[in-house]
């Protein structure tokens, strides 16, 4: 397994000042938010978990609980993880399109 290195998390903000990822996270229940925040803590340490590229520089982290949550992000120079948006399995195609637009 290749060594991991720390990452800086940043959250995408659209031209109107909205943060799609934050809005999505805050719309989840408290327990789900806590589990996602724990995953983000691991992400800072370079542990991406179940992650795969979805095209055009965007990757998806799959969370194996609840509705099959997904987090979409891009990496800047292998040091910054830009959180774009979140969703679940049922909205996956639409969420990937949105993430690509944000990127």
PDB file of N, CA and C in Angstrom:
ATOM      1  N   UNK A   1       0.846  -1.171   0.000  1.00  0.00           N
ATOM      2  CA  UNK A   1       0.000   0.000   0.000  1.00  0.00           C
ATOM      3  C   UNK A   1       0.896   1.240   0.000  1.00  0.00           C
ATOM      4  N   UNK A   2       0.652   2.172  -0.924  1.00  0.00           N
ATOM      5  CA  UNK A   2       1.485   3.373  -0.954  1.00  0.00           C
ATOM      6  C   UNK A   2       1.225   4.252   0.269  1.00  0.00           C
ATOM      7  N   UNK A   3       2.248   4.989   0.698  1.00  0.00           N
ATOM      8  CA  UNK A   3       2.050   5.851   1.861  1.00  0.00           C
ATOM      9  C   UNK A   3       1.058   6.974   1.550  1.00  0.00           C
ATOM     10  N   UNK A   4       0.354   7.399   2.575  1.00  0.00           N
ATOM     11  CA  UNK A   4      -0.574   8.511   2.418  1.00  0.00           C
ATOM     12  C   UNK A   4       0.069   9.773   2.974  1.00  0.00           C
ATOM     13  N   UNK A   5      -0.447  10.897   2.552  1.00  0.00           N
ATOM     14  CA  UNK A   5       0.035  12.154   3.113  1.00  0.00           C
ATOM     15  C   UNK A   5      -1.173  13.042   3.411  1.00  0.00           C
ATOM     16  N   UNK A   6      -1.029  13.934   4.354  1.00  0.00           N
ATOM     17  CA  UNK A   6      -2.159  14.773   4.767  1.00  0.00           C
ATOM     18  C   UNK A   6      -2.690  15.630   3.617  1.00  0.00           C
ATOM     19  N   UNK A   7      -3.966  15.923   3.696  1.00  0.00           N
ATOM     20  CA  UNK A   7      -4.634  16.776   2.720  1.00  0.00           C
ATOM     21  C   UNK A   7      -5.315  17.926   3.455  1.00  0.00           C
ATOM     22  N   UNK A   8      -5.492  19.010   2.754  1.00  0.00           N
ATOM     23  CA  UNK A   8      -6.283  20.121   3.267  1.00  0.00           C
ATOM     24  C   UNK A   8      -7.663  20.025   2.638  1.00  0.00           C
ATOM     25  N   UNK A   9      -8.697  20.086   3.460  1.00  0.00           N
ATOM     26  CA  UNK A   9     -10.065  20.062   2.946  1.00  0.00           C
ATOM     27  C   UNK A   9     -10.538  21.486   2.705  1.00  0.00           C
ATOM     28  N   UNK A  10     -11.127  21.703   1.540  1.00  0.00           N
ATOM     29  CA  UNK A  10     -11.788  22.963   1.228  1.00  0.00           C
ATOM     30  C   UNK A  10     -13.164  22.630   0.676  1.00  0.00           C
ATOM     31  N   UNK A  11     -14.078  23.557   0.811  1.00  0.00           N
ATOM     32  CA  UNK A  11     -15.446  23.339   0.350  1.00  0.00           C
ATOM     33  C   UNK A  11     -15.747  24.301  -0.786  1.00  0.00           C
ATOM     34  N   UNK A  12     -16.209  23.746  -1.893  1.00  0.00           N
ATOM     35  CA  UNK A  12     -16.567  24.557  -3.047  1.00  0.00           C
ATOM     36  C   UNK A  12     -17.671  25.538  -2.681  1.00  0.00           C
ATOM     37  N   UNK A  13     -17.514  26.768  -3.154  1.00  0.00           N
ATOM     38  CA  UNK A  13     -18.523  27.799  -2.960  1.00  0.00           C
ATOM     39  C   UNK A  13     -18.869  28.358  -4.341  1.00  0.00           C
ATOM     40  N   UNK A  14     -20.169  28.372  -4.679  1.00  0.00           N
ATOM     41  CA  UNK A  14     -20.560  28.858  -5.997  1.00  0.00           C
ATOM     42  C   UNK A  14     -20.518  30.387  -6.026  1.00  0.00           C
ATOM     43  N   UNK A  15     -20.705  31.000  -7.197  1.00  0.00           N
ATOM     44  CA  UNK A  15     -20.616  32.463  -7.293  1.00  0.00           C
ATOM     45  C   UNK A  15     -21.616  33.211  -6.402  1.00  0.00           C
ATOM     46  N   UNK A  16     -22.694  32.560  -6.006  1.00  0.00           N
ATOM     47  CA  UNK A  16     -23.678  33.183  -5.116  1.00  0.00           C
ATOM     48  C   UNK A  16     -23.344  32.989  -3.640  1.00  0.00           C
ATOM     49  N   UNK A  17     -22.223  32.333  -3.352  1.00  0.00           N
ATOM     50  CA  UNK A  17     -21.808  32.117  -1.974  1.00  0.00           C
ATOM     51  C   UNK A  17     -22.364  30.854  -1.330  1.00  0.00           C
ATOM     52  N   UNK A  18     -23.120  30.070  -2.077  1.00  0.00           N
ATOM     53  CA  UNK A  18     -23.681  28.835  -1.523  1.00  0.00           C
ATOM     54  C   UNK A  18     -22.643  27.721  -1.585  1.00  0.00           C
ATOM     55  N   UNK A  19     -22.731  26.811  -0.630  1.00  0.00           N
ATOM     56  CA  UNK A  19     -21.836  25.656  -0.557  1.00  0.00           C
ATOM     57  C   UNK A  19     -22.677  24.383  -0.677  1.00  0.00           C
ATOM     58  N   UNK A  20     -22.775  23.819  -1.884  1.00  0.00           N
ATOM     59  CA  UNK A  20     -23.629  22.638  -2.068  1.00  0.00           C
ATOM     60  C   UNK A  20     -23.289  21.483  -1.122  1.00  0.00           C
ATOM     61  N   UNK A  21     -21.996  21.245  -0.869  1.00  0.00           N
ATOM     62  CA  UNK A  21     -21.642  20.145   0.021  1.00  0.00           C
ATOM     63  C   UNK A  21     -22.157  20.411   1.437  1.00  0.00           C
ATOM     64  N   UNK A  22     -21.929  21.619   1.942  1.00  0.00           N
ATOM     65  CA  UNK A  22     -22.363  21.966   3.296  1.00  0.00           C
ATOM     66  C   UNK A  22     -23.882  21.870   3.414  1.00  0.00           C
ATOM     67  N   UNK A  23     -24.588  22.371   2.415  1.00  0.00           N
ATOM     68  CA  UNK A  23     -26.053  22.307   2.439  1.00  0.00           C
ATOM     69  C   UNK A  23     -26.531  20.858   2.474  1.00  0.00           C
ATOM     70  N   UNK A  24     -25.883  20.010   1.676  1.00  0.00           N
ATOM     71  CA  UNK A  24     -26.253  18.594   1.664  1.00  0.00           C
ATOM     72  C   UNK A  24     -25.974  17.962   3.029  1.00  0.00           C
ATOM     73  N   UNK A  25     -24.778  18.205   3.565  1.00  0.00           N
ATOM     74  CA  UNK A  25     -24.409  17.606   4.859  1.00  0.00           C
ATOM     75  C   UNK A  25     -25.366  18.053   5.960  1.00  0.00           C
ATOM     76  N   UNK A  26     -25.684  19.323   5.994  1.00  0.00           N
ATOM     77  CA  UNK A  26     -26.558  19.847   7.046  1.00  0.00           C
ATOM     78  C   UNK A  26     -28.001  19.366   6.917  1.00  0.00           C
ATOM     79  N   UNK A  27     -28.361  18.844   5.752  1.00  0.00           N
ATOM     80  CA  UNK A  27     -29.719  18.320   5.572  1.00  0.00           C
ATOM     81  C   UNK A  27     -29.849  16.873   6.060  1.00  0.00           C
ATOM     82  N   UNK A  28     -28.744  16.249   6.448  1.00  0.00           N
ATOM     83  CA  UNK A  28     -28.746  14.882   6.983  1.00  0.00           C
ATOM     84  C   UNK A  28     -29.045  14.935   8.481  1.00  0.00           C
ATOM     85  N   UNK A  29     -29.476  13.809   9.027  1.00  0.00           N
ATOM     86  CA  UNK A  29     -29.710  13.749  10.475  1.00  0.00           C
ATOM     87  C   UNK A  29     -28.376  13.791  11.218  1.00  0.00           C
ATOM     88  N   UNK A  30     -28.444  14.066  12.512  1.00  0.00           N
ATOM     89  CA  UNK A  30     -27.242  14.281  13.330  1.00  0.00           C
ATOM     90  C   UNK A  30     -26.300  13.077  13.311  1.00  0.00           C
ATOM     91  N   UNK A  31     -26.831  11.885  13.440  1.00  0.00           N
ATOM     92  CA  UNK A  31     -25.975  10.688  13.457  1.00  0.00           C
ATOM     93  C   UNK A  31     -25.249  10.524  12.122  1.00  0.00           C
ATOM     94  N   UNK A  32     -25.950  10.752  11.024  1.00  0.00           N
ATOM     95  CA  UNK A  32     -25.329  10.658   9.699  1.00  0.00           C
ATOM     96  C   UNK A  32     -24.247  11.723   9.546  1.00  0.00           C
ATOM     97  N   UNK A  33     -24.537  12.940   9.989  1.00  0.00           N
ATOM     98  CA  UNK A  33     -23.536  14.004   9.925  1.00  0.00           C
ATOM     99  C   UNK A  33     -22.275  13.615  10.684  1.00  0.00           C
ATOM    100  N   UNK A  34     -22.438  13.032  11.852  1.00  0.00           N
ATOM    101  CA  UNK A  34     -21.285  12.622  12.656  1.00  0.00           C
ATOM    102  C   UNK A  34     -20.461  11.556  11.940  1.00  0.00           C
ATOM    103  N   UNK A  35     -21.120  10.614  11.306  1.00  0.00           N
ATOM    104  CA  UNK A  35     -20.391   9.560  10.585  1.00  0.00           C
ATOM    105  C   UNK A  35     -19.649  10.135   9.386  1.00  0.00           C
ATOM    106  N   UNK A  36     -20.279  11.069   8.684  1.00  0.00           N
ATOM    107  CA  UNK A  36     -19.629  11.694   7.533  1.00  0.00           C
ATOM    108  C   UNK A  36     -18.458  12.564   7.997  1.00  0.00           C
ATOM    109  N   UNK A  37     -18.627  13.286   9.084  1.00  0.00           N
ATOM    110  CA  UNK A  37     -17.541  14.108   9.617  1.00  0.00           C
ATOM    111  C   UNK A  37     -16.355  13.242  10.057  1.00  0.00           C
ATOM    112  N   UNK A  38     -16.620  12.061  10.589  1.00  0.00           N
ATOM    113  CA  UNK A  38     -15.539  11.133  10.945  1.00  0.00           C
ATOM    114  C   UNK A  38     -14.788  10.695   9.688  1.00  0.00           C
ATOM    115  N   UNK A  39     -15.518  10.445   8.620  1.00  0.00           N
ATOM    116  CA  UNK A  39     -14.875  10.094   7.353  1.00  0.00           C
ATOM    117  C   UNK A  39     -14.021  11.255   6.858  1.00  0.00           C
ATOM    118  N   UNK A  40     -14.505  12.484   6.981  1.00  0.00           N
ATOM    119  CA  UNK A  40     -13.738  13.651   6.549  1.00  0.00           C
ATOM    120  C   UNK A  40     -12.460  13.795   7.367  1.00  0.00           C
ATOM    121  N   UNK A  41     -12.505  13.442   8.658  1.00  0.00           N
ATOM    122  CA  UNK A  41     -11.300  13.460   9.487  1.00  0.00           C
ATOM    123  C   UNK A  41     -10.263  12.481   8.933  1.00  0.00           C
ATOM    124  N   UNK A  42     -10.702  11.318   8.512  1.00  0.00           N
ATOM    125  CA  UNK A  42      -9.778  10.330   7.920  1.00  0.00           C
ATOM    126  C   UNK A  42      -9.251  10.829   6.577  1.00  0.00           C
ATOM    127  N   UNK A  43     -10.091  11.527   5.843  1.00  0.00           N
ATOM    128  CA  UNK A  43      -9.700  12.070   4.541  1.00  0.00           C
ATOM    129  C   UNK A  43      -8.543  13.058   4.694  1.00  0.00           C
ATOM    130  N   UNK A  44      -8.576  13.874   5.731  1.00  0.00           N
ATOM    131  CA  UNK A  44      -7.493  14.819   6.011  1.00  0.00           C
ATOM    132  C   UNK A  44      -6.175  14.068   6.195  1.00  0.00           C
ATOM    133  N   UNK A  45      -6.256  12.869   6.762  1.00  0.00           N
ATOM    134  CA  UNK A  45      -5.061  12.045   6.972  1.00  0.00           C
ATOM    135  C   UNK A  45      -4.632  11.292   5.718  1.00  0.00           C
ATOM    136  N   UNK A  46      -5.367  11.478   4.620  1.00  0.00           N
ATOM    137  CA  UNK A  46      -5.010  10.815   3.369  1.00  0.00           C
ATOM    138  C   UNK A  46      -5.695   9.480   3.161  1.00  0.00           C
ATOM    139  N   UNK A  47      -6.615   9.109   4.047  1.00  0.00           N
ATOM    140  CA  UNK A  47      -7.340   7.843   3.930  1.00  0.00           C
ATOM    141  C   UNK A  47      -8.669   8.104   3.214  1.00  0.00           C
ATOM    142  N   UNK A  48      -8.728   7.753   1.932  1.00  0.00           N
ATOM    143  CA  UNK A  48      -9.903   8.037   1.121  1.00  0.00           C
ATOM    144  C   UNK A  48     -10.961   6.946   1.197  1.00  0.00           C
ATOM    145  N   UNK A  49     -10.654   5.819   1.797  1.00  0.00           N
ATOM    146  CA  UNK A  49     -11.645   4.753   1.912  1.00  0.00           C
ATOM    147  C   UNK A  49     -12.066   4.226   0.554  1.00  0.00           C
ATOM    148  N   UNK A  50     -13.344   3.933   0.389  1.00  0.00           N
ATOM    149  CA  UNK A  50     -13.896   3.377  -0.849  1.00  0.00           C
ATOM    150  C   UNK A  50     -14.105   4.522  -1.832  1.00  0.00           C
ATOM    151  N   UNK A  51     -13.119   4.723  -2.673  1.00  0.00           N
ATOM    152  CA  UNK A  51     -13.083   5.895  -3.548  1.00  0.00           C
ATOM    153  C   UNK A  51     -12.782   5.449  -4.973  1.00  0.00           C
ATOM    154  N   UNK A  52     -13.428   6.123  -5.948  1.00  0.00           N
ATOM    155  CA  UNK A  52     -13.125   5.811  -7.341  1.00  0.00           C
ATOM    156  C   UNK A  52     -13.338   7.062  -8.190  1.00  0.00           C
ATOM    157  N   UNK A  53     -12.581   7.182  -9.283  1.00  0.00           N
ATOM    158  CA  UNK A  53     -12.776   8.315 -10.191  1.00  0.00           C
ATOM    159  C   UNK A  53     -14.082   8.147 -10.974  1.00  0.00           C
ATOM    160  N   UNK A  54     -14.748   9.281 -11.238  1.00  0.00           N
ATOM    161  CA  UNK A  54     -15.987   9.251 -12.025  1.00  0.00           C
ATOM    162  C   UNK A  54     -15.855  10.077 -13.306  1.00  0.00           C
ATOM    163  N   UNK A  55     -14.669  10.616 -13.559  1.00  0.00           N
ATOM    164  CA  UNK A  55     -14.407  11.316 -14.807  1.00  0.00           C
ATOM    165  C   UNK A  55     -14.170  12.809 -14.631  1.00  0.00           C
ATOM    166  N   UNK A  56     -13.397  13.351 -15.559  1.00  0.00           N
ATOM    167  CA  UNK A  56     -13.115  14.785 -15.629  1.00  0.00           C
ATOM    168  C   UNK A  56     -12.505  15.349 -14.346  1.00  0.00           C
ATOM    169  N   UNK A  57     -11.682  14.536 -13.682  1.00  0.00           N
ATOM    170  CA  UNK A  57     -10.991  14.990 -12.485  1.00  0.00           C
ATOM    171  C   UNK A  57     -11.782  14.875 -11.194  1.00  0.00           C
ATOM    172  N   UNK A  58     -12.979  14.314 -11.275  1.00  0.00           N
ATOM    173  CA  UNK A  58     -13.849  14.163 -10.104  1.00  0.00           C
ATOM    174  C   UNK A  58     -13.767  12.726  -9.610  1.00  0.00           C
ATOM    175  N   UNK A  59     -13.776  12.589  -8.289  1.00  0.00           N
ATOM    176  CA  UNK A  59     -13.833  11.264  -7.668  1.00  0.00           C
ATOM    177  C   UNK A  59     -15.018  11.201  -6.722  1.00  0.00           C
ATOM    178  N   UNK A  60     -15.382   9.972  -6.405  1.00  0.00           N
ATOM    179  CA  UNK A  60     -16.545   9.698  -5.562  1.00  0.00           C
ATOM    180  C   UNK A  60     -16.103   8.829  -4.395  1.00  0.00           C
ATOM    181  N   UNK A  61     -16.473   9.229  -3.194  1.00  0.00           N
ATOM    182  CA  UNK A  61     -16.285   8.380  -2.016  1.00  0.00           C
ATOM    183  C   UNK A  61     -17.640   7.748  -1.720  1.00  0.00           C
ATOM    184  N   UNK A  62     -17.648   6.420  -1.631  1.00  0.00           N
ATOM    185  CA  UNK A  62     -18.887   5.700  -1.349  1.00  0.00           C
ATOM    186  C   UNK A  62     -18.929   5.342   0.133  1.00  0.00           C
ATOM    187  N   UNK A  63     -20.031   5.700   0.760  1.00  0.00           N
ATOM    188  CA  UNK A  63     -20.241   5.395   2.172  1.00  0.00           C
ATOM    189  C   UNK A  63     -21.247   4.258   2.247  1.00  0.00           C
ATOM    190  N   UNK A  64     -20.903   3.241   2.997  1.00  0.00           N
ATOM    191  CA  UNK A  64     -21.720   2.036   3.035  1.00  0.00           C
ATOM    192  C   UNK A  64     -22.647   2.018   4.246  1.00  0.00           C
ATOM    193  N   UNK A  65     -23.492   3.028   4.312  1.00  0.00           N
ATOM    194  CA  UNK A  65     -24.548   3.074   5.324  1.00  0.00           C
ATOM    195  C   UNK A  65     -25.638   4.004   4.809  1.00  0.00           C
ATOM    196  N   UNK A  66     -26.769   3.968   5.468  1.00  0.00           N
ATOM    197  CA  UNK A  66     -27.881   4.836   5.074  1.00  0.00           C
ATOM    198  C   UNK A  66     -28.328   4.555   3.646  1.00  0.00           C
ATOM    199  N   UNK A  67     -28.527   5.621   2.898  1.00  0.00           N
ATOM    200  CA  UNK A  67     -29.046   5.526   1.527  1.00  0.00           C
ATOM    201  C   UNK A  67     -27.944   5.303   0.500  1.00  0.00           C
ATOM    202  N   UNK A  68     -26.779   4.867   0.947  1.00  0.00           N
ATOM    203  CA  UNK A  68     -25.659   4.694   0.019  1.00  0.00           C
ATOM    204  C   UNK A  68     -25.082   6.055  -0.341  1.00  0.00           C
ATOM    205  N   UNK A  69     -24.739   6.828   0.662  1.00  0.00           N
ATOM    206  CA  UNK A  69     -24.268   8.198   0.461  1.00  0.00           C
ATOM    207  C   UNK A  69     -22.992   8.237  -0.369  1.00  0.00           C
ATOM    208  N   UNK A  70     -22.843   9.343  -1.108  1.00  0.00           N
ATOM    209  CA  UNK A  70     -21.659   9.602  -1.925  1.00  0.00           C
ATOM    210  C   UNK A  70     -21.175  11.018  -1.645  1.00  0.00           C
ATOM    211  N   UNK A  71     -19.862  11.197  -1.675  1.00  0.00           N
ATOM    212  CA  UNK A  71     -19.252  12.516  -1.584  1.00  0.00           C
ATOM    213  C   UNK A  71     -18.409  12.702  -2.832  1.00  0.00           C
ATOM    214  N   UNK A  72     -18.597  13.823  -3.512  1.00  0.00           N
ATOM    215  CA  UNK A  72     -17.886  14.112  -4.756  1.00  0.00           C
ATOM    216  C   UNK A  72     -16.862  15.212  -4.511  1.00  0.00           C
ATOM    217  N   UNK A  73     -15.659  15.000  -5.057  1.00  0.00           N
ATOM    218  CA  UNK A  73     -14.568  15.940  -4.812  1.00  0.00           C
ATOM    219  C   UNK A  73     -13.583  15.941  -5.966  1.00  0.00           C
ATOM    220  N   UNK A  74     -12.761  16.971  -5.991  1.00  0.00           N
ATOM    221  CA  UNK A  74     -11.623  17.046  -6.893  1.00  0.00           C
ATOM    222  C   UNK A  74     -10.383  17.307  -6.060  1.00  0.00           C
ATOM    223  N   UNK A  75      -9.227  16.908  -6.574  1.00  0.00           N
ATOM    224  CA  UNK A  75      -7.971  17.148  -5.865  1.00  0.00           C
ATOM    225  C   UNK A  75      -7.162  18.199  -6.603  1.00  0.00           C
ATOM    226  N   UNK A  76      -6.602  19.125  -5.834  1.00  0.00           N
ATOM    227  CA  UNK A  76      -5.764  20.180  -6.387  1.00  0.00           C
ATOM    228  C   UNK A  76      -4.328  19.884  -5.983  1.00  0.00           C
ATOM    229  N   UNK A  77      -3.492  19.608  -6.971  1.00  0.00           N
ATOM    230  CA  UNK A  77      -2.064  19.347  -6.765  1.00  0.00           C
ATOM    231  C   UNK A  77      -1.781  18.291  -5.702  1.00  0.00           C
ATOM    232  N   UNK A  78      -2.683  17.323  -5.568  1.00  0.00           N
ATOM    233  CA  UNK A  78      -2.491  16.195  -4.653  1.00  0.00           C
ATOM    234  C   UNK A  78      -2.325  16.619  -3.192  1.00  0.00           C
ATOM    235  N   UNK A  79      -2.734  17.860  -2.857  1.00  0.00           N
ATOM    236  CA  UNK A  79      -2.614  18.330  -1.481  1.00  0.00           C
ATOM    237  C   UNK A  79      -3.932  18.888  -0.941  1.00  0.00           C
ATOM    238  N   UNK A  80      -4.798  19.351  -1.820  1.00  0.00           N
ATOM    239  CA  UNK A  80      -6.075  19.949  -1.410  1.00  0.00           C
ATOM    240  C   UNK A  80      -7.209  19.093  -1.956  1.00  0.00           C
ATOM    241  N   UNK A  81      -8.153  18.769  -1.097  1.00  0.00           N
ATOM    242  CA  UNK A  81      -9.364  18.069  -1.515  1.00  0.00           C
ATOM    243  C   UNK A  81     -10.487  19.096  -1.489  1.00  0.00           C
ATOM    244  N   UNK A  82     -11.064  19.356  -2.660  1.00  0.00           N
ATOM    245  CA  UNK A  82     -12.161  20.307  -2.773  1.00  0.00           C
ATOM    246  C   UNK A  82     -13.474  19.530  -2.776  1.00  0.00           C
ATOM    247  N   UNK A  83     -14.230  19.641  -1.686  1.00  0.00           N
ATOM    248  CA  UNK A  83     -15.515  18.956  -1.560  1.00  0.00           C
ATOM    249  C   UNK A  83     -16.548  19.701  -2.391  1.00  0.00           C
ATOM    250  N   UNK A  84     -17.154  19.018  -3.346  1.00  0.00           N
ATOM    251  CA  UNK A  84     -18.052  19.664  -4.297  1.00  0.00           C
ATOM    252  C   UNK A  84     -19.518  19.520  -3.923  1.00  0.00           C
ATOM    253  N   UNK A  85     -19.956  18.293  -3.705  1.00  0.00           N
ATOM    254  CA  UNK A  85     -21.350  18.050  -3.352  1.00  0.00           C
ATOM    255  C   UNK A  85     -21.478  16.634  -2.806  1.00  0.00           C
ATOM    256  N   UNK A  86     -22.647  16.318  -2.324  1.00  0.00           N
ATOM    257  CA  UNK A  86     -22.928  14.992  -1.806  1.00  0.00           C
ATOM    258  C   UNK A  86     -24.263  14.517  -2.331  1.00  0.00           C
ATOM    259  N   UNK A  87     -24.516  13.248  -2.163  1.00  0.00           N
ATOM    260  CA  UNK A  87     -25.779  12.682  -2.599  1.00  0.00           C
ATOM    261  C   UNK A  87     -25.878  11.250  -2.133  1.00  0.00           C
ATOM    262  N   UNK A  88     -26.740  10.499  -2.793  1.00  0.00           N
ATOM    263  CA  UNK A  88     -26.852   9.079  -2.484  1.00  0.00           C
ATOM    264  C   UNK A  88     -27.004   8.305  -3.785  1.00  0.00           C
ATOM    265  N   UNK A  89     -27.108   7.016  -3.665  1.00  0.00           N
ATOM    266  CA  UNK A  89     -27.150   6.154  -4.841  1.00  0.00           C
ATOM    267  C   UNK A  89     -28.273   6.556  -5.795  1.00  0.00           C
ATOM    268  N   UNK A  90     -29.420   6.966  -5.252  1.00  0.00           N
ATOM    269  CA  UNK A  90     -30.570   7.275  -6.110  1.00  0.00           C
ATOM    270  C   UNK A  90     -30.365   8.527  -6.965  1.00  0.00           C
ATOM    271  N   UNK A  91     -29.481   9.429  -6.536  1.00  0.00           N
ATOM    272  CA  UNK A  91     -29.256  10.669  -7.289  1.00  0.00           C
ATOM    273  C   UNK A  91     -27.858  10.718  -7.903  1.00  0.00           C
ATOM    274  N   UNK A  92     -27.198   9.575  -7.972  1.00  0.00           N
ATOM    275  CA  UNK A  92     -25.793   9.494  -8.367  1.00  0.00           C
ATOM    276  C   UNK A  92     -25.504  10.145  -9.719  1.00  0.00           C
ATOM    277  N   UNK A  93     -26.258   9.818 -10.748  1.00  0.00           N
ATOM    278  CA  UNK A  93     -25.994  10.358 -12.084  1.00  0.00           C
ATOM    279  C   UNK A  93     -26.115  11.877 -12.082  1.00  0.00           C
ATOM    280  N   UNK A  94     -27.158  12.384 -11.485  1.00  0.00           N
ATOM    281  CA  UNK A  94     -27.382  13.837 -11.398  1.00  0.00           C
ATOM    282  C   UNK A  94     -26.276  14.504 -10.567  1.00  0.00           C
ATOM    283  N   UNK A  95     -25.881  13.873  -9.467  1.00  0.00           N
ATOM    284  CA  UNK A  95     -24.847  14.445  -8.604  1.00  0.00           C
ATOM    285  C   UNK A  95     -23.495  14.502  -9.299  1.00  0.00           C
ATOM    286  N   UNK A  96     -23.166  13.489 -10.069  1.00  0.00           N
ATOM    287  CA  UNK A  96     -21.899  13.491 -10.809  1.00  0.00           C
ATOM    288  C   UNK A  96     -21.894  14.634 -11.812  1.00  0.00           C
ATOM    289  N   UNK A  97     -22.999  14.840 -12.505  1.00  0.00           N
ATOM    290  CA  UNK A  97     -23.084  15.963 -13.458  1.00  0.00           C
ATOM    291  C   UNK A  97     -22.899  17.300 -12.746  1.00  0.00           C
ATOM    292  N   UNK A  98     -23.535  17.452 -11.581  1.00  0.00           N
ATOM    293  CA  UNK A  98     -23.383  18.693 -10.811  1.00  0.00           C
ATOM    294  C   UNK A  98     -21.930  18.888 -10.380  1.00  0.00           C
ATOM    295  N   UNK A  99     -21.307  17.833  -9.879  1.00  0.00           N
ATOM    296  CA  UNK A  99     -19.917  17.926  -9.430  1.00  0.00           C
ATOM    297  C   UNK A  99     -19.006  18.354 -10.579  1.00  0.00           C
ATOM    298  N   UNK A 100     -19.216  17.801 -11.753  1.00  0.00           N
ATOM    299  CA  UNK A 100     -18.403  18.171 -12.917  1.00  0.00           C
ATOM    300  C   UNK A 100     -18.615  19.633 -13.278  1.00  0.00           C
ATOM    301  N   UNK A 101     -19.825  20.126 -13.128  1.00  0.00           N
ATOM    302  CA  UNK A 101     -20.101  21.539 -13.391  1.00  0.00           C
ATOM    303  C   UNK A 101     -19.360  22.422 -12.389  1.00  0.00           C
ATOM    304  N   UNK A 102     -19.353  22.034 -11.135  1.00  0.00           N
ATOM    305  CA  UNK A 102     -18.676  22.812 -10.100  1.00  0.00           C
ATOM    306  C   UNK A 102     -17.161  22.805 -10.278  1.00  0.00           C
ATOM    307  N   UNK A 103     -16.635  21.702 -10.758  1.00  0.00           N
ATOM    308  CA  UNK A 103     -15.198  21.538 -10.887  1.00  0.00           C
ATOM    309  C   UNK A 103     -14.671  22.424 -11.993  1.00  0.00           C
TER     310      UNK A 103
END
